[in-house]
Amino acid sequence: MKIKRRGYVFFVYGYAIFSKYRPTFKDIYNIIHIDEKRFYMSRPTKRYYLVPSEDDSLRTCKSKKFITKVMFLAAVARPRYDSLGNETFSGKIGIFPLTTLEPAKRSSKNRLTGTLETKPILSVTKDVTRSWLIQKVLPAIRSTWPQGHMGPIFIQQDNAKPHINVDDVEFLQKAS
């Protein structure tokens, strides 16, 4: 494990960091950080300030013990500026909700059968992560990434189990 960490430090900062006269650092402009975060769709108690003519908002939840969580996948990179200090690339690639659209199975007073409903993906696996990276993140990187960039782009993930491996064949085919 220590050897892997040392290799990462050499990759990011270069070997010159250990020089006692002039340590240098790489600019890390080619690394995209990806992480996911879970949020509750609503809180058990919520305060609203309404105009007298405004109706109360309706929150549909079976119980406050079973509030649905939604997971988001965020991709960010280091922002870039020109020589005058103007931002040329914000570093924001995208935030993608891990949800699916499913047709309603039954009719209710709110909707008809077959109406598309947004449902959260409850278990995020390697297959889900791979498909989201290929279908959502890669097109967002291609559309927002600065035009003058040369060389490889690295996607940095944390150590969560559903993340794909570095040598994932299907992802490497779509990414190149």
Protein backbone atom coordinates (compact mmCIF):
# COMPACT_ATOMS: atom_id res chain seq x y z
CA MET A 1 0.00 0.00 0.00
CA LYS A 2 2.82 2.43 0.83
CA ILE A 3 4.47 1.69 -2.51
CA LYS A 4 1.26 2.61 -4.35
CA ARG A 5 0.98 5.87 -2.40
CA ARG A 6 4.61 6.71 -3.12
CA GLY A 7 4.05 5.99 -6.81
CA TYR A 8 1.05 8.32 -6.79
CA VAL A 9 3.09 11.10 -5.15
CA PHE A 10 5.81 10.71 -7.78
CA PHE A 11 3.17 10.77 -10.53
CA VAL A 12 1.41 13.89 -9.28
CA TYR A 13 4.31 15.94 -7.95
CA GLY A 14 7.22 14.53 -9.91
CA TYR A 15 10.57 13.41 -8.59
CA ALA A 16 11.80 16.99 -8.34
CA ILE A 17 9.71 17.56 -5.20
CA PHE A 18 12.45 15.88 -3.22
CA SER A 19 15.10 18.25 -4.52
CA LYS A 20 16.20 20.49 -1.67
CA TYR A 21 16.92 23.50 -3.88
CA ARG A 22 13.88 23.91 -6.10
CA PRO A 23 10.90 21.64 -5.56
CA THR A 24 8.51 21.63 -8.50
CA PHE A 25 4.93 20.52 -8.81
CA LYS A 26 2.86 19.34 -11.74
CA ASP A 27 -0.16 21.48 -12.55
CA ILE A 28 -2.62 18.53 -12.43
CA TYR A 29 -4.77 20.01 -15.22
CA ASN A 30 -5.49 16.56 -16.66
CA ILE A 31 -7.14 14.95 -13.60
CA ILE A 32 -10.91 14.75 -13.13
CA HIS A 33 -12.21 13.92 -9.67
CA ILE A 34 -15.38 11.85 -9.45
CA ASP A 35 -17.34 11.26 -6.28
CA GLU A 36 -20.88 10.40 -5.29
CA LYS A 37 -23.03 11.74 -2.51
CA ARG A 38 -26.42 10.69 -1.09
CA PHE A 39 -29.10 13.20 -0.16
CA TYR A 40 -32.54 12.83 1.34
CA MET A 41 -35.28 13.94 -1.07
CA SER A 42 -36.89 15.93 1.75
CA ARG A 43 -36.53 16.47 5.47
CA PRO A 44 -38.86 15.10 8.18
CA THR A 45 -39.80 18.66 9.15
CA LYS A 46 -39.72 21.54 6.74
CA ARG A 47 -40.72 25.17 7.21
CA TYR A 48 -42.40 27.11 4.42
CA TYR A 49 -43.20 30.78 4.21
CA LEU A 50 -46.24 31.21 1.99
CA VAL A 51 -48.07 34.16 0.56
CA PRO A 52 -51.73 34.22 1.75
CA SER A 53 -52.95 33.28 -1.75
CA GLU A 54 -50.46 30.40 -2.09
CA ASP A 55 -51.43 26.77 -1.43
CA ASP A 56 -49.48 24.46 0.88
CA SER A 57 -47.02 22.22 -0.94
CA LEU A 58 -47.82 18.52 -0.91
CA ARG A 59 -45.11 16.08 0.08
CA THR A 60 -45.90 12.45 -0.57
CA CYS A 61 -44.07 10.16 1.80
CA LYS A 62 -45.40 7.09 3.58
CA SER A 63 -43.57 7.83 6.81
CA LYS A 64 -40.84 10.14 7.99
CA LYS A 65 -38.78 7.04 8.78
CA PHE A 66 -38.73 6.03 5.10
CA ILE A 67 -37.68 9.17 3.25
CA THR A 68 -36.13 8.29 -0.09
CA LYS A 69 -32.45 8.99 -0.67
CA VAL A 70 -31.06 10.04 -4.03
CA MET A 71 -27.43 9.62 -5.04
CA PHE A 72 -25.62 12.11 -7.27
CA LEU A 73 -22.38 11.57 -9.18
CA ALA A 74 -20.24 14.71 -9.49
CA ALA A 75 -17.27 15.27 -11.79
CA VAL A 76 -14.94 18.25 -11.33
CA ALA A 77 -11.49 19.26 -12.51
CA ARG A 78 -9.09 22.08 -11.80
CA PRO A 79 -10.30 25.42 -13.20
CA ARG A 80 -8.16 27.25 -15.74
CA TYR A 81 -7.41 30.94 -16.21
CA ASP A 82 -5.73 32.92 -18.97
CA SER A 83 -2.79 35.30 -18.44
CA LEU A 84 -5.15 38.15 -17.48
CA GLY A 85 -6.86 36.11 -14.77
CA ASN A 86 -10.07 35.48 -16.73
CA GLU A 87 -11.62 32.07 -16.25
CA THR A 88 -11.39 29.95 -19.41
CA PHE A 89 -12.63 26.67 -17.89
CA SER A 90 -14.63 26.52 -14.67
CA GLY A 91 -13.70 22.93 -13.85
CA LYS A 92 -17.36 21.96 -13.43
CA ILE A 93 -18.05 18.97 -15.63
CA GLY A 94 -21.39 17.87 -14.27
CA ILE A 95 -23.62 16.54 -11.52
CA PHE A 96 -25.63 13.49 -12.53
CA PRO A 97 -28.50 12.04 -10.45
CA LEU A 98 -28.44 8.26 -10.24
CA THR A 99 -32.09 7.84 -11.13
CA THR A 100 -34.17 6.06 -13.75
CA LEU A 101 -37.45 6.84 -15.48
CA GLU A 102 -39.98 4.05 -14.97
CA PRO A 103 -43.62 3.89 -16.05
CA ALA A 104 -46.14 3.93 -13.21
CA LYS A 105 -47.60 0.48 -12.54
CA ARG A 106 -50.96 1.69 -11.21
CA SER A 107 -53.18 4.72 -11.55
CA SER A 108 -53.65 7.13 -8.70
CA LYS A 109 -55.30 10.48 -8.21
CA ASN A 110 -51.98 12.14 -9.12
CA ARG A 111 -51.14 10.25 -12.35
CA LEU A 112 -52.28 7.66 -14.85
CA THR A 113 -50.85 4.20 -15.48
CA GLY A 114 -47.78 4.38 -17.69
CA THR A 115 -46.79 7.93 -16.70
CA LEU A 116 -43.00 8.14 -16.37
CA GLU A 117 -41.81 8.52 -12.78
CA THR A 118 -38.30 9.32 -11.60
CA LYS A 119 -37.06 6.55 -9.32
CA PRO A 120 -33.70 6.46 -7.51
CA ILE A 121 -31.29 3.63 -8.22
CA LEU A 122 -31.23 1.86 -4.86
CA SER A 123 -28.12 -0.29 -5.25
CA VAL A 124 -25.18 1.18 -7.13
CA THR A 125 -22.98 -1.60 -8.51
CA LYS A 126 -19.95 -1.65 -10.79
CA ASP A 127 -22.22 -2.13 -13.80
CA VAL A 128 -24.29 0.94 -12.88
CA THR A 129 -21.15 3.01 -12.28
CA ARG A 130 -19.66 1.87 -15.60
CA SER A 131 -22.81 2.67 -17.54
CA TRP A 132 -23.13 6.11 -15.90
CA LEU A 133 -19.50 6.92 -16.64
CA ILE A 134 -19.89 5.85 -20.27
CA GLN A 135 -23.33 7.37 -20.94
CA LYS A 136 -23.19 10.55 -18.85
CA VAL A 137 -19.69 11.51 -17.70
CA LEU A 138 -17.66 10.84 -20.87
CA PRO A 139 -19.97 12.91 -23.13
CA ALA A 140 -19.91 15.73 -20.55
CA ILE A 141 -16.10 15.63 -20.46
CA ARG A 142 -15.94 15.74 -24.25
CA SER A 143 -18.33 18.69 -24.44
CA THR A 144 -16.86 20.84 -21.62
CA TRP A 145 -13.14 20.05 -21.73
CA PRO A 146 -10.88 22.86 -23.01
CA GLN A 147 -9.96 22.55 -26.69
CA GLY A 148 -6.21 23.15 -26.41
CA HIS A 149 -5.52 20.30 -23.99
CA MET A 150 -2.99 17.71 -25.12
CA GLY A 151 -2.24 14.32 -23.57
CA PRO A 152 -4.22 11.83 -21.50
CA ILE A 153 -7.00 12.69 -19.06
CA PHE A 154 -7.12 10.74 -15.80
CA ILE A 155 -10.32 10.08 -13.87
CA GLN A 156 -9.65 9.91 -10.13
CA GLN A 157 -12.12 7.86 -8.04
CA ASP A 158 -12.17 7.21 -4.32
CA ASN A 159 -11.96 3.70 -2.88
CA ALA A 160 -15.66 2.82 -2.95
CA LYS A 161 -16.46 -0.77 -3.94
CA PRO A 162 -18.82 0.03 -6.86
CA HIS A 163 -16.13 1.95 -8.74
CA ILE A 164 -14.71 0.35 -11.86
CA ASN A 165 -11.16 -0.93 -12.16
CA VAL A 166 -8.42 0.97 -13.94
CA ASP A 167 -8.19 -1.68 -16.66
CA ASP A 168 -11.95 -2.06 -17.29
CA VAL A 169 -12.16 -3.15 -20.95
CA GLU A 170 -15.58 -1.73 -21.83
CA PHE A 171 -14.78 1.69 -20.35
CA LEU A 172 -11.37 1.86 -22.02
CA GLN A 173 -12.93 1.11 -25.42
CA LYS A 174 -15.50 3.90 -25.05
CA ALA A 175 -13.04 6.39 -23.55
CA SER A 176 -10.42 6.16 -26.29
